[in-house]
Protein backbone atom coordinates (compact mmCIF):
# COMPACT_ATOMS: atom_id res chain seq x y z
CA UNK A 1 -62.38 123.71 81.41
CA UNK A 2 -60.16 124.79 85.06
CA UNK A 3 -62.50 124.19 87.40
CA UNK A 4 -63.18 120.67 85.53
CA UNK A 5 -59.44 119.28 86.25
CA UNK A 6 -58.74 120.27 89.34
CA UNK A 7 -61.97 118.35 90.80
CA UNK A 8 -60.74 115.05 88.87
CA UNK A 9 -57.66 115.69 90.43
CA UNK A 10 -59.38 115.73 93.76
CA UNK A 11 -61.45 112.93 93.12
CA UNK A 12 -58.36 110.43 92.20
CA UNK A 13 -56.46 112.21 95.45
CA UNK A 14 -59.41 110.69 97.54
CA UNK A 15 -59.65 107.72 95.97
CA UNK A 16 -56.08 107.20 96.57
CA UNK A 17 -56.56 108.04 100.12
CA UNK A 18 -59.91 105.62 100.52
CA UNK A 19 -57.51 102.43 98.62
CA UNK A 20 -54.48 103.09 101.41
CA UNK A 21 -57.34 103.35 104.10
CA UNK A 22 -57.95 99.63 103.21
CA UNK A 23 -55.52 98.38 102.40
CA UNK A 24 -54.07 99.86 105.81
CA UNK A 25 -56.51 98.23 107.69
CA UNK A 26 -56.77 95.32 106.83
CA UNK A 27 -52.58 95.10 106.46
CA UNK A 28 -53.19 96.17 110.23
CA UNK A 29 -55.90 92.92 110.92
CA UNK A 30 -53.85 91.07 109.19
CA UNK A 31 -49.96 91.23 109.52
CA UNK A 32 -49.87 92.26 113.61
CA UNK A 33 -47.48 90.05 114.34
CA UNK A 34 -44.92 91.09 111.62
CA UNK A 35 -43.58 93.63 112.07
CA UNK A 36 -42.19 94.34 108.80
CA UNK A 37 -45.26 94.08 107.07
CA UNK A 38 -47.01 96.10 109.75
CA UNK A 39 -45.73 99.53 109.43
CA UNK A 40 -46.12 99.55 105.25
CA UNK A 41 -49.67 99.42 107.03
CA UNK A 42 -49.08 102.61 108.75
CA UNK A 43 -46.93 103.78 106.19
CA UNK A 44 -50.99 103.37 103.82
CA UNK A 45 -52.40 104.26 106.99
CA UNK A 46 -49.88 108.09 106.45
CA UNK A 47 -50.18 107.79 102.55
CA UNK A 48 -54.49 108.51 102.86
CA UNK A 49 -54.08 110.85 105.60
CA UNK A 50 -52.43 112.73 102.59
CA UNK A 51 -53.59 111.96 100.04
CA UNK A 52 -57.02 112.76 101.26
CA UNK A 53 -55.68 116.20 102.41
CA UNK A 54 -54.12 117.24 99.66
CA UNK A 55 -57.27 116.26 97.25
CA UNK A 56 -59.23 117.85 99.59
CA UNK A 57 -57.31 121.39 100.01
CA UNK A 58 -56.89 121.21 96.22
CA UNK A 59 -61.06 121.53 96.40
CA UNK A 60 -61.40 124.10 98.83
CA UNK A 61 -58.97 126.24 96.18
CA UNK A 62 -59.49 129.75 95.70
CA UNK A 63 -58.70 131.25 91.71
């Protein structure tokens, strides 16, 4: 059961990362002229990297 929960949480974090990448890149393309929204898009990309790395690290975690 613990292995299933770990795989599920990793999938959730990776899906969150992919969604953040899509929103961040789309925001960078659309809102490049508006500084607050541009920095929000950069934050979305940073969140994407963080959540994907958490998901991958929970997949390779050994217990």
